[in-house]
Amino acid sequence: MKRLFALFVGFLLLAPVPVTAQTIARPSLWHVQGSKGDVYLLGSIHILPPDVQWRSPSIRAAIARADVFAFEVPQDAKAMARLQELVVAKGTLPPGQTLRSLLRKSAQTDFDAALAASGLPLSAVERARPWLAGLQLLFAQIAKHNFAVENSVDAQLMAQAGKSGKPMRYLETIDQQFALLAPDDPVLEMEEFEAGLKDLADIAGSTQPMVDAWAKGDQKTLDRLINGDLDRFPAARKALLDDRNNAWLPQIAAMLKRKHTVLVTVGAGHLTGPKGLPALLRKAGYKVKGP
């Protein structure tokens, strides 16, 4: 799955996951020890059906130990209201422009396939900026399946933290994440959109291998599936993945200097490979237990 669509934490993130009933998942979990505190890192699949059992014994233990929960971005009413303001203000192309005419010839076929798979008419997206068109195409396919964001790893843990009264922290604001979703640079925005078009032609088919790898804790395969294709789009990879991991690293380092146990839940692609958070923390000298 391209990182563009893994970005939609708090908006409606990642694609629907066609799994069978009573699916037992065993996602990877990392434990980082600091000078005073410790941090657990859990990779999230952000939209799931209700029958995926992802709370392994080790994850249950981490949840029980945690006295602080951290996520990528808030999802409360205030954050969603701000998101809606930004969508209205920045969702339409300038007069005289249409989305398909802005695409490279090589991407127009992928766009047509994604549009057909969504069931939307061209008129629904032709005046939308690429980032908004991507969301519309994604949501249209999600609507065909029985999936909900409230079943996601993020949403379940947020709800649990809220009920327990444990504090929640966030690595980014809505405005920061929206700036990635809808960058001011039109070239980067189009690159991000084109990077995800092939997946939008078949959301279920492109997502299943990624979810299988996540459920098995197969980090090598997960990194290849989530992040590998972005090597063809270096500017998009830098903005959506590498820069964010580097920005989160000092925040996690600060957590490790406090007498708390923090469960940090972020998109699974942020934890894989040599530029993932576990690798960066090991490189920085921290003791990291995990795959």
C-alpha atoms as a PDB file:
ATOM      1  CA  MET A   1       0.000   0.000   0.000  1.00  0.00           C
ATOM      2  CA  LYS A   2       1.461   3.350  -0.927  1.00  0.00           C
ATOM      3  CA  ARG A   3       2.364   5.671   1.898  1.00  0.00           C
ATOM      4  CA  LEU A   4      -0.028   8.320   0.608  1.00  0.00           C
ATOM      5  CA  PHE A   5      -2.976   6.259   1.759  1.00  0.00           C
ATOM      6  CA  ALA A   6      -1.272   5.090   4.896  1.00  0.00           C
ATOM      7  CA  LEU A   7      -1.084   8.761   5.845  1.00  0.00           C
ATOM      8  CA  PHE A   8      -4.770   9.200   6.579  1.00  0.00           C
ATOM      9  CA  VAL A   9      -4.505   8.634  10.337  1.00  0.00           C
ATOM     10  CA  GLY A  10      -7.406  10.438  11.937  1.00  0.00           C
ATOM     11  CA  PHE A  11      -9.042  11.103   8.594  1.00  0.00           C
ATOM     12  CA  LEU A  12      -9.945   7.485   7.691  1.00  0.00           C
ATOM     13  CA  LEU A  13      -6.679   5.732   7.164  1.00  0.00           C
ATOM     14  CA  LEU A  14      -5.442   2.828   5.162  1.00  0.00           C
ATOM     15  CA  ALA A  15      -7.663   0.746   3.001  1.00  0.00           C
ATOM     16  CA  PRO A  16     -10.304  -1.816   4.012  1.00  0.00           C
ATOM     17  CA  VAL A  17      -8.966  -5.229   4.885  1.00  0.00           C
ATOM     18  CA  PRO A  18     -10.724  -8.307   3.462  1.00  0.00           C
ATOM     19  CA  VAL A  19     -10.017 -10.819   6.218  1.00  0.00           C
ATOM     20  CA  THR A  20     -11.953 -13.877   7.275  1.00  0.00           C
ATOM     21  CA  ALA A  21     -14.001 -14.185  10.454  1.00  0.00           C
ATOM     22  CA  GLN A  22     -12.135 -14.668  13.713  1.00  0.00           C
ATOM     23  CA  THR A  23      -8.793 -13.671  12.222  1.00  0.00           C
ATOM     24  CA  ILE A  24      -6.025 -13.990  14.811  1.00  0.00           C
ATOM     25  CA  ALA A  25      -3.298 -11.401  14.244  1.00  0.00           C
ATOM     26  CA  ARG A  26       0.069 -11.300  15.977  1.00  0.00           C
ATOM     27  CA  PRO A  27       1.510  -7.881  15.052  1.00  0.00           C
ATOM     28  CA  SER A  28       5.076  -7.011  15.963  1.00  0.00           C
ATOM     29  CA  LEU A  29       5.727  -5.122  19.172  1.00  0.00           C
ATOM     30  CA  TRP A  30       8.940  -3.382  20.210  1.00  0.00           C
ATOM     31  CA  HIS A  31      10.064  -2.425  23.706  1.00  0.00           C
ATOM     32  CA  VAL A  32      12.494   0.485  24.072  1.00  0.00           C
ATOM     33  CA  GLN A  33      14.266   1.155  27.359  1.00  0.00           C
ATOM     34  CA  GLY A  34      15.454   4.632  28.302  1.00  0.00           C
ATOM     35  CA  SER A  35      17.258   6.255  31.192  1.00  0.00           C
ATOM     36  CA  LYS A  36      14.053   6.616  33.228  1.00  0.00           C
ATOM     37  CA  GLY A  37      11.086   5.440  31.196  1.00  0.00           C
ATOM     38  CA  ASP A  38      10.242   2.908  28.560  1.00  0.00           C
ATOM     39  CA  VAL A  39       8.241   2.909  25.336  1.00  0.00           C
ATOM     40  CA  TYR A  40       6.350   0.226  23.457  1.00  0.00           C
ATOM     41  CA  LEU A  41       5.988   0.654  19.687  1.00  0.00           C
ATOM     42  CA  LEU A  42       2.961  -0.906  17.981  1.00  0.00           C
ATOM     43  CA  GLY A  43       2.243  -0.750  14.259  1.00  0.00           C
ATOM     44  CA  SER A  44      -1.361   0.024  13.398  1.00  0.00           C
ATOM     45  CA  ILE A  45      -3.761  -1.040  10.699  1.00  0.00           C
ATOM     46  CA  HIS A  46      -6.182   1.850  10.745  1.00  0.00           C
ATOM     47  CA  ILE A  47      -9.367   0.328   9.351  1.00  0.00           C
ATOM     48  CA  LEU A  48     -10.392  -3.206  10.276  1.00  0.00           C
ATOM     49  CA  PRO A  49     -13.534  -5.333  10.381  1.00  0.00           C
ATOM     50  CA  PRO A  50     -14.728  -6.187  13.891  1.00  0.00           C
ATOM     51  CA  ASP A  51     -13.506  -9.796  13.879  1.00  0.00           C
ATOM     52  CA  VAL A  52      -9.722  -9.269  13.823  1.00  0.00           C
ATOM     53  CA  GLN A  53      -8.204 -10.310  17.145  1.00  0.00           C
ATOM     54  CA  TRP A  54      -4.918  -8.372  17.314  1.00  0.00           C
ATOM     55  CA  ARG A  55      -4.396  -8.210  21.104  1.00  0.00           C
ATOM     56  CA  SER A  56      -1.735 -10.859  21.553  1.00  0.00           C
ATOM     57  CA  PRO A  57      -0.551 -11.670  25.085  1.00  0.00           C
ATOM     58  CA  SER A  58       2.471  -9.378  24.679  1.00  0.00           C
ATOM     59  CA  ILE A  59       0.309  -6.516  23.419  1.00  0.00           C
ATOM     60  CA  ARG A  60      -2.148  -6.998  26.268  1.00  0.00           C
ATOM     61  CA  ALA A  61       0.717  -6.815  28.724  1.00  0.00           C
ATOM     62  CA  ALA A  62       2.033  -3.627  27.099  1.00  0.00           C
ATOM     63  CA  ILE A  63      -1.416  -2.033  27.264  1.00  0.00           C
ATOM     64  CA  ALA A  64      -1.746  -2.952  30.930  1.00  0.00           C
ATOM     65  CA  ARG A  65       1.688  -1.512  31.766  1.00  0.00           C
ATOM     66  CA  ALA A  66       1.267   1.733  29.853  1.00  0.00           C
ATOM     67  CA  ASP A  67       0.326   4.815  31.844  1.00  0.00           C
ATOM     68  CA  VAL A  68       0.471   7.081  28.748  1.00  0.00           C
ATOM     69  CA  PHE A  69      -0.809   6.409  25.228  1.00  0.00           C
ATOM     70  CA  ALA A  70       0.635   8.189  22.180  1.00  0.00           C
ATOM     71  CA  PHE A  71      -0.738   8.345  18.638  1.00  0.00           C
ATOM     72  CA  GLU A  72       0.050  10.117  15.396  1.00  0.00           C
ATOM     73  CA  VAL A  73      -2.759  12.685  15.505  1.00  0.00           C
ATOM     74  CA  PRO A  74      -5.857  13.503  17.606  1.00  0.00           C
ATOM     75  CA  GLN A  75      -9.243  12.290  16.423  1.00  0.00           C
ATOM     76  CA  ASP A  76     -11.548  14.209  18.748  1.00  0.00           C
ATOM     77  CA  ALA A  77     -14.379  16.524  17.685  1.00  0.00           C
ATOM     78  CA  LYS A  78     -12.186  19.615  17.749  1.00  0.00           C
ATOM     79  CA  ALA A  79      -9.610  17.992  15.482  1.00  0.00           C
ATOM     80  CA  MET A  80     -12.250  16.764  13.043  1.00  0.00           C
ATOM     81  CA  ALA A  81     -13.860  20.215  12.888  1.00  0.00           C
ATOM     82  CA  ARG A  82     -10.481  21.708  12.021  1.00  0.00           C
ATOM     83  CA  LEU A  83     -10.001  19.061   9.353  1.00  0.00           C
ATOM     84  CA  GLN A  84     -13.341  19.947   7.774  1.00  0.00           C
ATOM     85  CA  GLU A  85     -12.331  23.621   7.648  1.00  0.00           C
ATOM     86  CA  LEU A  86      -9.150  22.709   5.808  1.00  0.00           C
ATOM     87  CA  VAL A  87     -10.959  20.440   3.349  1.00  0.00           C
ATOM     88  CA  VAL A  88     -13.388  23.209   2.416  1.00  0.00           C
ATOM     89  CA  ALA A  89     -10.618  25.796   2.089  1.00  0.00           C
ATOM     90  CA  LYS A  90      -8.109  23.710   0.146  1.00  0.00           C
ATOM     91  CA  GLY A  91      -9.974  20.991  -1.711  1.00  0.00           C
ATOM     92  CA  THR A  92     -10.683  22.519  -5.133  1.00  0.00           C
ATOM     93  CA  LEU A  93      -8.453  23.070  -8.147  1.00  0.00           C
ATOM     94  CA  PRO A  94      -7.994  26.607  -9.534  1.00  0.00           C
ATOM     95  CA  PRO A  95     -10.492  27.740 -12.195  1.00  0.00           C
ATOM     96  CA  GLY A  96      -9.870  26.185 -15.591  1.00  0.00           C
ATOM     97  CA  GLN A  97      -8.012  23.123 -14.283  1.00  0.00           C
ATOM     98  CA  THR A  98      -9.275  19.530 -14.258  1.00  0.00           C
ATOM     99  CA  LEU A  99      -7.623  16.654 -12.475  1.00  0.00           C
ATOM    100  CA  ARG A 100      -7.232  14.227 -15.361  1.00  0.00           C
ATOM    101  CA  SER A 101      -5.646  16.864 -17.598  1.00  0.00           C
ATOM    102  CA  LEU A 102      -2.968  17.461 -14.945  1.00  0.00           C
ATOM    103  CA  LEU A 103      -1.911  13.815 -14.827  1.00  0.00           C
ATOM    104  CA  ARG A 104       1.004  12.493 -16.812  1.00  0.00           C
ATOM    105  CA  LYS A 105      -0.048  10.323 -19.746  1.00  0.00           C
ATOM    106  CA  SER A 106       1.391   7.273 -17.999  1.00  0.00           C
ATOM    107  CA  ALA A 107      -0.849   7.883 -14.963  1.00  0.00           C
ATOM    108  CA  GLN A 108      -4.104   8.539 -16.817  1.00  0.00           C
ATOM    109  CA  THR A 109      -4.777   4.832 -17.363  1.00  0.00           C
ATOM    110  CA  ASP A 110      -4.312   4.163 -13.636  1.00  0.00           C
ATOM    111  CA  PHE A 111      -6.628   7.072 -12.853  1.00  0.00           C
ATOM    112  CA  ASP A 112      -9.323   5.718 -15.178  1.00  0.00           C
ATOM    113  CA  ALA A 113      -9.046   2.274 -13.561  1.00  0.00           C
ATOM    114  CA  ALA A 114      -9.283   3.742 -10.055  1.00  0.00           C
ATOM    115  CA  LEU A 115     -12.311   5.802 -11.050  1.00  0.00           C
ATOM    116  CA  ALA A 116     -14.021   2.747 -12.530  1.00  0.00           C
ATOM    117  CA  ALA A 117     -13.320   0.709  -9.398  1.00  0.00           C
ATOM    118  CA  SER A 118     -14.807   3.429  -7.212  1.00  0.00           C
ATOM    119  CA  GLY A 119     -18.054   3.632  -9.164  1.00  0.00           C
ATOM    120  CA  LEU A 120     -17.900   7.422  -9.071  1.00  0.00           C
ATOM    121  CA  PRO A 121     -18.567   9.559 -12.145  1.00  0.00           C
ATOM    122  CA  LEU A 122     -15.707  11.689 -13.416  1.00  0.00           C
ATOM    123  CA  SER A 123     -17.703  14.790 -12.452  1.00  0.00           C
ATOM    124  CA  ALA A 124     -17.360  13.835  -8.771  1.00  0.00           C
ATOM    125  CA  VAL A 125     -13.595  14.292  -8.789  1.00  0.00           C
ATOM    126  CA  GLU A 126     -12.642  16.286 -11.884  1.00  0.00           C
ATOM    127  CA  ARG A 127     -12.434  19.604 -10.013  1.00  0.00           C
ATOM    128  CA  ALA A 128     -10.956  18.157  -6.812  1.00  0.00           C
ATOM    129  CA  ARG A 129      -7.331  18.633  -5.887  1.00  0.00           C
ATOM    130  CA  PRO A 130      -5.384  15.371  -6.139  1.00  0.00           C
ATOM    131  CA  TRP A 131      -5.295  14.738  -2.386  1.00  0.00           C
ATOM    132  CA  LEU A 132      -9.085  15.124  -2.079  1.00  0.00           C
ATOM    133  CA  ALA A 133      -9.749  13.044  -5.174  1.00  0.00           C
ATOM    134  CA  GLY A 134      -7.615  10.308  -3.626  1.00  0.00           C
ATOM    135  CA  LEU A 135      -9.761  10.356  -0.507  1.00  0.00           C
ATOM    136  CA  GLN A 136     -12.976  10.295  -2.526  1.00  0.00           C
ATOM    137  CA  LEU A 137     -11.807   7.326  -4.579  1.00  0.00           C
ATOM    138  CA  LEU A 138     -10.693   5.532  -1.428  1.00  0.00           C
ATOM    139  CA  PHE A 139     -13.886   6.206   0.524  1.00  0.00           C
ATOM    140  CA  ALA A 140     -16.057   5.034  -2.370  1.00  0.00           C
ATOM    141  CA  GLN A 141     -14.387   1.627  -2.285  1.00  0.00           C
ATOM    142  CA  ILE A 142     -14.479   1.439   1.499  1.00  0.00           C
ATOM    143  CA  ALA A 143     -18.238   2.003   1.330  1.00  0.00           C
ATOM    144  CA  LYS A 144     -18.572  -1.294  -0.551  1.00  0.00           C
ATOM    145  CA  HIS A 145     -17.204  -3.236   2.433  1.00  0.00           C
ATOM    146  CA  ASN A 146     -18.218  -3.677   6.041  1.00  0.00           C
ATOM    147  CA  PHE A 147     -15.305  -1.836   7.633  1.00  0.00           C
ATOM    148  CA  ALA A 148     -15.152   0.954  10.156  1.00  0.00           C
ATOM    149  CA  VAL A 149     -12.487   3.180  11.630  1.00  0.00           C
ATOM    150  CA  GLU A 150     -13.812   2.439  15.128  1.00  0.00           C
ATOM    151  CA  ASN A 151     -12.522  -1.124  14.702  1.00  0.00           C
ATOM    152  CA  SER A 152      -8.989   0.078  14.076  1.00  0.00           C
ATOM    153  CA  VAL A 153      -6.073  -0.439  16.414  1.00  0.00           C
ATOM    154  CA  ASP A 154      -5.829   3.323  16.952  1.00  0.00           C
ATOM    155  CA  ALA A 155      -9.497   3.869  17.704  1.00  0.00           C
ATOM    156  CA  GLN A 156      -9.754   0.936  20.103  1.00  0.00           C
ATOM    157  CA  LEU A 157      -6.715   2.049  22.055  1.00  0.00           C
ATOM    158  CA  MET A 158      -7.901   5.679  22.130  1.00  0.00           C
ATOM    159  CA  ALA A 159     -11.245   4.534  23.493  1.00  0.00           C
ATOM    160  CA  GLN A 160      -9.571   2.362  26.112  1.00  0.00           C
ATOM    161  CA  ALA A 161      -7.268   5.165  27.213  1.00  0.00           C
ATOM    162  CA  GLY A 162     -10.220   7.541  27.454  1.00  0.00           C
ATOM    163  CA  LYS A 163     -12.240   5.159  29.618  1.00  0.00           C
ATOM    164  CA  SER A 164      -9.299   4.523  31.919  1.00  0.00           C
ATOM    165  CA  GLY A 165      -8.496   8.212  32.249  1.00  0.00           C
ATOM    166  CA  LYS A 166      -4.925   7.662  31.108  1.00  0.00           C
ATOM    167  CA  PRO A 167      -3.378  10.626  29.264  1.00  0.00           C
ATOM    168  CA  MET A 168      -2.959  10.655  25.506  1.00  0.00           C
ATOM    169  CA  ARG A 169      -0.182  12.372  23.576  1.00  0.00           C
ATOM    170  CA  TYR A 170       0.135  13.075  19.851  1.00  0.00           C
ATOM    171  CA  LEU A 171       3.151  13.222  17.569  1.00  0.00           C
ATOM    172  CA  GLU A 172       1.540  15.606  15.068  1.00  0.00           C
ATOM    173  CA  THR A 173      -1.265  18.150  14.862  1.00  0.00           C
ATOM    174  CA  ILE A 174      -4.114  18.084  12.358  1.00  0.00           C
ATOM    175  CA  ASP A 175      -2.529  21.034  10.544  1.00  0.00           C
ATOM    176  CA  GLN A 176       0.842  19.294  10.320  1.00  0.00           C
ATOM    177  CA  GLN A 177      -0.647  16.122   8.935  1.00  0.00           C
ATOM    178  CA  PHE A 178      -2.918  18.010   6.565  1.00  0.00           C
ATOM    179  CA  ALA A 179       0.136  19.814   5.181  1.00  0.00           C
ATOM    180  CA  LEU A 180       1.454  16.377   4.187  1.00  0.00           C
ATOM    181  CA  LEU A 181      -1.870  15.278   2.794  1.00  0.00           C
ATOM    182  CA  ALA A 182      -2.316  18.504   0.802  1.00  0.00           C
ATOM    183  CA  PRO A 183       1.167  19.998   0.326  1.00  0.00           C
ATOM    184  CA  ASP A 184       1.592  23.511  -1.015  1.00  0.00           C
ATOM    185  CA  ASP A 185       3.966  22.158  -3.663  1.00  0.00           C
ATOM    186  CA  PRO A 186       1.700  21.037  -6.555  1.00  0.00           C
ATOM    187  CA  VAL A 187       4.438  18.849  -8.033  1.00  0.00           C
ATOM    188  CA  LEU A 188       4.798  16.905  -4.778  1.00  0.00           C
ATOM    189  CA  GLU A 189       1.025  16.653  -4.386  1.00  0.00           C
ATOM    190  CA  MET A 190       0.671  15.157  -7.845  1.00  0.00           C
ATOM    191  CA  GLU A 191       3.583  12.792  -7.238  1.00  0.00           C
ATOM    192  CA  GLU A 192       1.929  11.522  -4.064  1.00  0.00           C
ATOM    193  CA  PHE A 193      -1.385  11.069  -5.884  1.00  0.00           C
ATOM    194  CA  GLU A 194       0.125   9.225  -8.829  1.00  0.00           C
ATOM    195  CA  ALA A 195       2.112   7.022  -6.433  1.00  0.00           C
ATOM    196  CA  GLY A 196      -1.132   5.625  -5.034  1.00  0.00           C
ATOM    197  CA  LEU A 197      -3.286   5.291  -8.135  1.00  0.00           C
ATOM    198  CA  LYS A 198      -2.472   1.653  -8.877  1.00  0.00           C
ATOM    199  CA  ASP A 199      -3.603   0.649  -5.392  1.00  0.00           C
ATOM    200  CA  LEU A 200      -6.833   2.608  -5.787  1.00  0.00           C
ATOM    201  CA  ALA A 201      -7.744   0.437  -8.762  1.00  0.00           C
ATOM    202  CA  ASP A 202      -8.068  -2.579  -6.440  1.00  0.00           C
ATOM    203  CA  ILE A 203      -8.081  -1.602  -2.762  1.00  0.00           C
ATOM    204  CA  ALA A 204      -8.896  -5.076  -1.456  1.00  0.00           C
ATOM    205  CA  GLY A 205      -6.381  -6.873  -3.669  1.00  0.00           C
ATOM    206  CA  SER A 206      -3.533  -4.457  -3.012  1.00  0.00           C
ATOM    207  CA  THR A 207      -4.136  -4.456   0.741  1.00  0.00           C
ATOM    208  CA  GLN A 208      -4.492  -8.151   1.555  1.00  0.00           C
ATOM    209  CA  PRO A 209      -0.781  -9.081   1.281  1.00  0.00           C
ATOM    210  CA  MET A 210       0.129  -6.107   3.474  1.00  0.00           C
ATOM    211  CA  VAL A 211      -2.363  -7.144   6.158  1.00  0.00           C
ATOM    212  CA  ASP A 212      -1.189 -10.760   6.023  1.00  0.00           C
ATOM    213  CA  ALA A 213       2.388  -9.612   6.655  1.00  0.00           C
ATOM    214  CA  TRP A 214       1.263  -7.309   9.490  1.00  0.00           C
ATOM    215  CA  ALA A 215      -0.756 -10.090  11.115  1.00  0.00           C
ATOM    216  CA  LYS A 216       2.252 -12.439  10.990  1.00  0.00           C
ATOM    217  CA  GLY A 217       4.752  -9.833  12.170  1.00  0.00           C
ATOM    218  CA  ASP A 218       6.682 -10.263   8.905  1.00  0.00           C
ATOM    219  CA  GLN A 219       8.553  -6.959   8.933  1.00  0.00           C
ATOM    220  CA  LYS A 220      10.652  -7.580   5.828  1.00  0.00           C
ATOM    221  CA  THR A 221       7.628  -8.261   3.647  1.00  0.00           C
ATOM    222  CA  LEU A 222       5.646  -5.458   5.281  1.00  0.00           C
ATOM    223  CA  ASP A 223       8.386  -2.937   4.552  1.00  0.00           C
ATOM    224  CA  ARG A 224       8.552  -4.007   0.916  1.00  0.00           C
ATOM    225  CA  LEU A 225       4.784  -3.842   0.458  1.00  0.00           C
ATOM    226  CA  ILE A 226       4.142  -0.566   2.281  1.00  0.00           C
ATOM    227  CA  ASN A 227       7.228   1.435   1.471  1.00  0.00           C
ATOM    228  CA  GLY A 228       9.070  -0.272  -1.365  1.00  0.00           C
ATOM    229  CA  ASP A 229       7.322   1.347  -4.312  1.00  0.00           C
ATOM    230  CA  LEU A 230       7.990   4.810  -2.912  1.00  0.00           C
ATOM    231  CA  ASP A 231      11.605   4.449  -4.014  1.00  0.00           C
ATOM    232  CA  ARG A 232      10.260   5.541  -7.409  1.00  0.00           C
ATOM    233  CA  PHE A 233       8.871   8.691  -5.786  1.00  0.00           C
ATOM    234  CA  PRO A 234      11.737  10.018  -3.628  1.00  0.00           C
ATOM    235  CA  ALA A 235      10.142  13.374  -2.791  1.00  0.00           C
ATOM    236  CA  ALA A 236       6.941  11.680  -1.631  1.00  0.00           C
ATOM    237  CA  ARG A 237       8.871   9.119   0.418  1.00  0.00           C
ATOM    238  CA  LYS A 238      10.902  11.849   2.094  1.00  0.00           C
ATOM    239  CA  ALA A 239       7.849  13.924   3.003  1.00  0.00           C
ATOM    240  CA  LEU A 240       5.478  11.128   4.006  1.00  0.00           C
ATOM    241  CA  LEU A 241       7.825   8.707   5.713  1.00  0.00           C
ATOM    242  CA  ASP A 242      11.449   9.604   6.371  1.00  0.00           C
ATOM    243  CA  ASP A 243      11.019  13.208   7.508  1.00  0.00           C
ATOM    244  CA  ARG A 244       8.202  12.244   9.839  1.00  0.00           C
ATOM    245  CA  ASN A 245      10.159   9.406  11.437  1.00  0.00           C
ATOM    246  CA  ASN A 246      13.069  11.771  12.010  1.00  0.00           C
ATOM    247  CA  ALA A 247      10.718  14.344  13.551  1.00  0.00           C
ATOM    248  CA  TRP A 248       9.167  11.746  15.859  1.00  0.00           C
ATOM    249  CA  LEU A 249      12.491  10.351  17.018  1.00  0.00           C
ATOM    250  CA  PRO A 250      13.324  13.200  19.464  1.00  0.00           C
ATOM    251  CA  GLN A 251       9.772  13.107  20.802  1.00  0.00           C
ATOM    252  CA  ILE A 252      10.147   9.429  21.639  1.00  0.00           C
ATOM    253  CA  ALA A 253      13.604  10.090  23.083  1.00  0.00           C
ATOM    254  CA  ALA A 254      12.019  12.678  25.385  1.00  0.00           C
ATOM    255  CA  MET A 255       9.448  10.105  26.534  1.00  0.00           C
ATOM    256  CA  LEU A 256      12.275   7.772  27.510  1.00  0.00           C
ATOM    257  CA  LYS A 257      13.688  10.406  29.879  1.00  0.00           C
ATOM    258  CA  ARG A 258      10.501  10.486  31.978  1.00  0.00           C
ATOM    259  CA  LYS A 259       9.304   7.959  34.533  1.00  0.00           C
ATOM    260  CA  HIS A 260       6.463   6.648  32.402  1.00  0.00           C
ATOM    261  CA  THR A 261       5.618   3.655  30.283  1.00  0.00           C
ATOM    262  CA  VAL A 262       4.256   4.884  26.961  1.00  0.00           C
ATOM    263  CA  LEU A 263       2.505   2.826  24.306  1.00  0.00           C
ATOM    264  CA  VAL A 264       3.143   4.548  20.958  1.00  0.00           C
ATOM    265  CA  THR A 265       0.803   3.443  18.172  1.00  0.00           C
ATOM    266  CA  VAL A 266       1.602   4.609  14.624  1.00  0.00           C
ATOM    267  CA  GLY A 267       1.083   3.352  11.092  1.00  0.00           C
ATOM    268  CA  ALA A 268       2.873   0.054  10.576  1.00  0.00           C
ATOM    269  CA  GLY A 269       5.040   1.450   7.779  1.00  0.00           C
ATOM    270  CA  HIS A 270       6.777   3.794  10.209  1.00  0.00           C
ATOM    271  CA  LEU A 271       8.290   0.856  12.082  1.00  0.00           C
ATOM    272  CA  THR A 272       9.754  -1.202   9.237  1.00  0.00           C
ATOM    273  CA  GLY A 273      13.114  -1.240   7.518  1.00  0.00           C
ATOM    274  CA  PRO A 274      16.406   0.579   8.112  1.00  0.00           C
ATOM    275  CA  LYS A 275      14.687   3.986   8.312  1.00  0.00           C
ATOM    276  CA  GLY A 276      11.887   2.855  10.613  1.00  0.00           C
ATOM    277  CA  LEU A 277      11.636   4.072  14.196  1.00  0.00           C
ATOM    278  CA  PRO A 278      13.025   0.896  15.836  1.00  0.00           C
ATOM    279  CA  ALA A 279      16.118   1.037  13.575  1.00  0.00           C
ATOM    280  CA  LEU A 280      16.570   4.768  14.215  1.00  0.00           C
ATOM    281  CA  LEU A 281      16.315   4.250  17.965  1.00  0.00           C
ATOM    282  CA  ARG A 282      18.869   1.441  17.874  1.00  0.00           C
ATOM    283  CA  LYS A 283      21.181   3.664  15.836  1.00  0.00           C
ATOM    284  CA  ALA A 284      20.749   6.382  18.456  1.00  0.00           C
ATOM    285  CA  GLY A 285      22.004   3.985  21.125  1.00  0.00           C
ATOM    286  CA  TYR A 286      18.763   2.803  22.737  1.00  0.00           C
ATOM    287  CA  LYS A 287      18.124  -0.783  23.739  1.00  0.00           C
ATOM    288  CA  VAL A 288      15.268  -2.002  21.559  1.00  0.00           C
ATOM    289  CA  LYS A 289      13.741  -5.436  22.056  1.00  0.00           C
ATOM    290  CA  GLY A 290      11.668  -6.783  19.212  1.00  0.00           C
ATOM    291  CA  PRO A 291      11.815  -8.317  15.756  1.00  0.00           C
END
